[in-house]
N, C-alpha and C. Protein backbone atom coordinates (compact mmCIF):
# COMPACT_ATOMS: atom_id res chain seq x y z
N MET A 1 51.24 76.84 14.14
CA MET A 1 51.75 76.18 15.36
C MET A 1 52.70 75.01 14.84
N SER A 2 53.74 74.78 15.50
CA SER A 2 54.63 73.72 15.22
C SER A 2 54.40 72.63 16.21
N ALA A 3 54.67 71.33 15.84
CA ALA A 3 54.66 70.28 16.76
C ALA A 3 55.64 70.21 17.78
N CYS A 4 55.38 69.75 18.91
CA CYS A 4 56.38 69.63 20.02
C CYS A 4 57.49 68.72 19.64
N LYS A 5 58.83 69.19 19.69
CA LYS A 5 59.90 68.38 19.20
C LYS A 5 60.15 67.30 20.30
N CYS A 6 59.87 67.50 21.47
CA CYS A 6 60.13 66.59 22.60
C CYS A 6 59.38 65.34 22.39
N SER A 7 58.12 65.49 22.09
CA SER A 7 57.26 64.32 21.91
C SER A 7 57.60 63.48 20.71
N THR A 8 58.12 64.02 19.70
CA THR A 8 58.55 63.19 18.47
C THR A 8 59.83 62.53 18.85
N LYS A 9 60.64 63.02 19.57
CA LYS A 9 61.98 62.31 20.00
C LYS A 9 61.63 60.94 20.79
N LYS A 10 60.71 61.09 21.69
CA LYS A 10 60.33 59.99 22.45
C LYS A 10 59.65 58.87 21.62
N LEU A 11 58.91 59.15 20.58
CA LEU A 11 58.17 58.32 19.86
C LEU A 11 59.22 57.48 18.75
N ASN A 12 60.25 58.18 18.41
CA ASN A 12 61.16 57.70 17.37
C ASN A 12 62.41 57.02 18.06
N ARG A 13 62.44 57.03 19.27
CA ARG A 13 63.57 56.45 20.00
C ARG A 13 63.52 54.94 20.00
N GLU A 14 64.77 54.25 19.55
CA GLU A 14 64.83 52.75 19.72
C GLU A 14 64.87 52.30 21.10
N PRO A 15 64.21 51.20 21.49
CA PRO A 15 64.38 50.75 22.77
C PRO A 15 65.75 50.10 23.01
N THR A 16 66.23 50.11 24.13
CA THR A 16 67.60 49.56 24.45
C THR A 16 67.35 48.00 24.67
N PRO A 17 68.46 47.29 24.44
CA PRO A 17 68.32 45.70 24.69
C PRO A 17 67.73 45.37 26.00
N GLU A 18 68.17 46.17 27.11
CA GLU A 18 67.62 45.97 28.45
C GLU A 18 66.04 46.16 28.42
N GLN A 19 65.61 47.26 27.81
CA GLN A 19 64.24 47.45 27.74
C GLN A 19 63.37 46.38 27.01
N ILE A 20 64.07 45.90 25.94
CA ILE A 20 63.49 44.75 25.16
C ILE A 20 63.42 43.55 26.04
N GLN A 21 64.41 43.23 26.80
CA GLN A 21 64.50 42.11 27.58
C GLN A 21 63.34 42.08 28.78
N LYS A 22 63.26 43.27 29.28
CA LYS A 22 62.23 43.48 30.34
C LYS A 22 60.81 43.27 29.77
N ARG A 23 60.61 44.01 28.61
CA ARG A 23 59.27 43.79 28.08
C ARG A 23 58.84 42.41 27.69
N ALA A 24 59.81 41.74 27.08
CA ALA A 24 59.75 40.33 26.76
C ALA A 24 59.36 39.47 27.95
N ALA A 25 60.08 39.67 29.01
CA ALA A 25 59.85 38.84 30.14
C ALA A 25 58.39 39.12 30.70
N ARG A 26 58.00 40.38 30.68
CA ARG A 26 56.63 40.63 31.08
C ARG A 26 55.49 39.99 30.28
N ILE A 27 55.81 39.87 28.88
CA ILE A 27 54.93 39.22 28.07
C ILE A 27 54.89 37.76 28.38
N ARG A 28 56.12 37.13 28.51
CA ARG A 28 56.33 35.66 28.76
C ARG A 28 55.64 35.20 30.09
N LYS A 29 55.56 36.11 31.05
CA LYS A 29 54.84 35.79 32.28
C LYS A 29 53.35 35.58 32.14
N ARG A 30 52.78 36.10 31.09
CA ARG A 30 51.29 36.01 30.90
C ARG A 30 50.93 34.74 30.08
N TRP A 31 52.06 33.97 29.53
CA TRP A 31 51.88 32.83 28.74
C TRP A 31 51.38 31.73 29.63
N SER A 32 50.48 30.93 29.01
CA SER A 32 50.11 29.67 29.68
C SER A 32 51.30 28.69 29.55
N ARG A 33 51.27 27.58 30.29
CA ARG A 33 52.27 26.51 30.29
C ARG A 33 52.31 25.87 28.88
N ARG A 34 51.32 25.75 28.05
CA ARG A 34 51.24 25.25 26.92
C ARG A 34 51.89 26.18 25.78
N THR A 35 51.53 27.45 25.86
CA THR A 35 52.13 28.38 25.06
C THR A 35 53.53 28.46 25.18
N GLU A 36 54.09 28.40 26.54
CA GLU A 36 55.47 28.41 26.80
C GLU A 36 56.22 27.36 26.22
N GLN A 37 55.56 25.99 26.25
CA GLN A 37 56.27 24.86 25.70
C GLN A 37 56.31 24.97 24.18
N ARG A 38 55.29 25.62 23.54
CA ARG A 38 55.24 25.73 22.08
C ARG A 38 56.11 26.65 21.69
N ARG A 39 56.45 27.79 22.36
CA ARG A 39 57.37 28.87 21.89
C ARG A 39 58.87 28.62 22.41
N ARG A 40 59.11 27.50 23.11
CA ARG A 40 60.35 27.31 23.54
C ARG A 40 61.25 26.99 22.46
N VAL A 41 62.50 27.57 22.42
CA VAL A 41 63.40 27.33 21.36
C VAL A 41 64.54 26.47 21.77
N GLY A 42 64.91 25.42 21.07
CA GLY A 42 66.12 24.71 21.52
C GLY A 42 65.87 23.34 22.02
N ASN A 43 64.78 23.24 22.66
CA ASN A 43 64.31 22.01 23.32
C ASN A 43 63.24 21.20 22.65
N ARG A 44 63.15 21.39 21.46
CA ARG A 44 62.08 20.65 20.77
C ARG A 44 62.53 19.24 20.47
N THR A 45 61.43 18.29 20.64
CA THR A 45 61.68 16.85 20.34
C THR A 45 61.72 16.72 18.78
N GLN A 46 62.82 16.12 18.38
CA GLN A 46 62.90 15.86 16.89
C GLN A 46 62.48 14.53 16.61
N TRP A 47 61.83 14.51 15.38
CA TRP A 47 61.38 13.24 14.91
C TRP A 47 62.72 12.49 14.42
N ILE A 48 62.72 11.16 14.88
CA ILE A 48 63.84 10.49 14.33
C ILE A 48 63.34 9.28 13.43
N ILE A 49 63.96 9.08 12.42
CA ILE A 49 63.60 7.92 11.51
C ILE A 49 63.84 6.62 12.24
N PRO A 50 62.77 5.81 12.12
CA PRO A 50 62.78 4.60 12.87
C PRO A 50 63.83 3.58 12.16
N ASN A 51 64.62 2.93 13.08
CA ASN A 51 65.59 2.07 12.62
C ASN A 51 65.10 0.58 12.88
N ILE A 52 65.28 -0.25 11.76
CA ILE A 52 64.92 -1.60 11.80
C ILE A 52 66.32 -2.41 11.77
N ASP A 53 66.41 -3.41 12.61
CA ASP A 53 67.60 -4.30 12.52
C ASP A 53 67.30 -5.31 11.52
N LEU A 54 67.98 -5.29 10.38
CA LEU A 54 67.65 -6.24 9.22
C LEU A 54 68.02 -7.69 9.52
N THR A 55 69.08 -7.77 10.54
CA THR A 55 69.44 -9.08 10.87
C THR A 55 68.20 -9.93 11.55
N GLU A 56 67.60 -9.18 12.34
CA GLU A 56 66.40 -9.85 12.99
C GLU A 56 65.21 -10.09 12.06
N LEU A 57 65.08 -9.17 11.14
CA LEU A 57 64.08 -9.33 10.04
C LEU A 57 64.31 -10.58 9.29
N ASP A 58 65.63 -10.53 8.80
CA ASP A 58 65.99 -11.70 7.89
C ASP A 58 65.90 -13.11 8.59
N CYS A 59 66.23 -13.17 9.90
CA CYS A 59 66.08 -14.38 10.69
C CYS A 59 64.50 -14.72 10.81
N GLN A 60 63.81 -13.60 11.11
CA GLN A 60 62.27 -13.94 11.19
C GLN A 60 61.78 -14.48 9.85
N LEU A 61 62.10 -13.97 8.86
CA LEU A 61 61.55 -14.35 7.56
C LEU A 61 62.06 -15.77 7.13
N CYS A 62 63.27 -16.00 7.44
CA CYS A 62 63.99 -17.27 7.19
C CYS A 62 63.31 -18.38 7.98
N CYS A 63 63.16 -18.22 9.21
CA CYS A 63 62.55 -19.14 10.18
C CYS A 63 61.00 -19.34 9.88
N ALA A 64 60.40 -18.44 9.35
CA ALA A 64 58.96 -18.50 9.18
C ALA A 64 58.52 -19.33 7.91
N SER A 65 59.49 -19.56 7.08
CA SER A 65 59.26 -20.30 5.85
C SER A 65 59.29 -21.81 6.07
């Protein structure tokens, strides 16, 4: 007996971009708000190096002495 060729074609077929988008949307609908925020791309808050105004620091050190 040989395997059915129709069933192997369906298993090996690549999904179309539209199918991928629909499937991804269904998965995202099940996410909690926290998971959605964690997985969001592009809107992440970046850590910024703290800036110190040295002129104010110099003045405070000078006046404190």
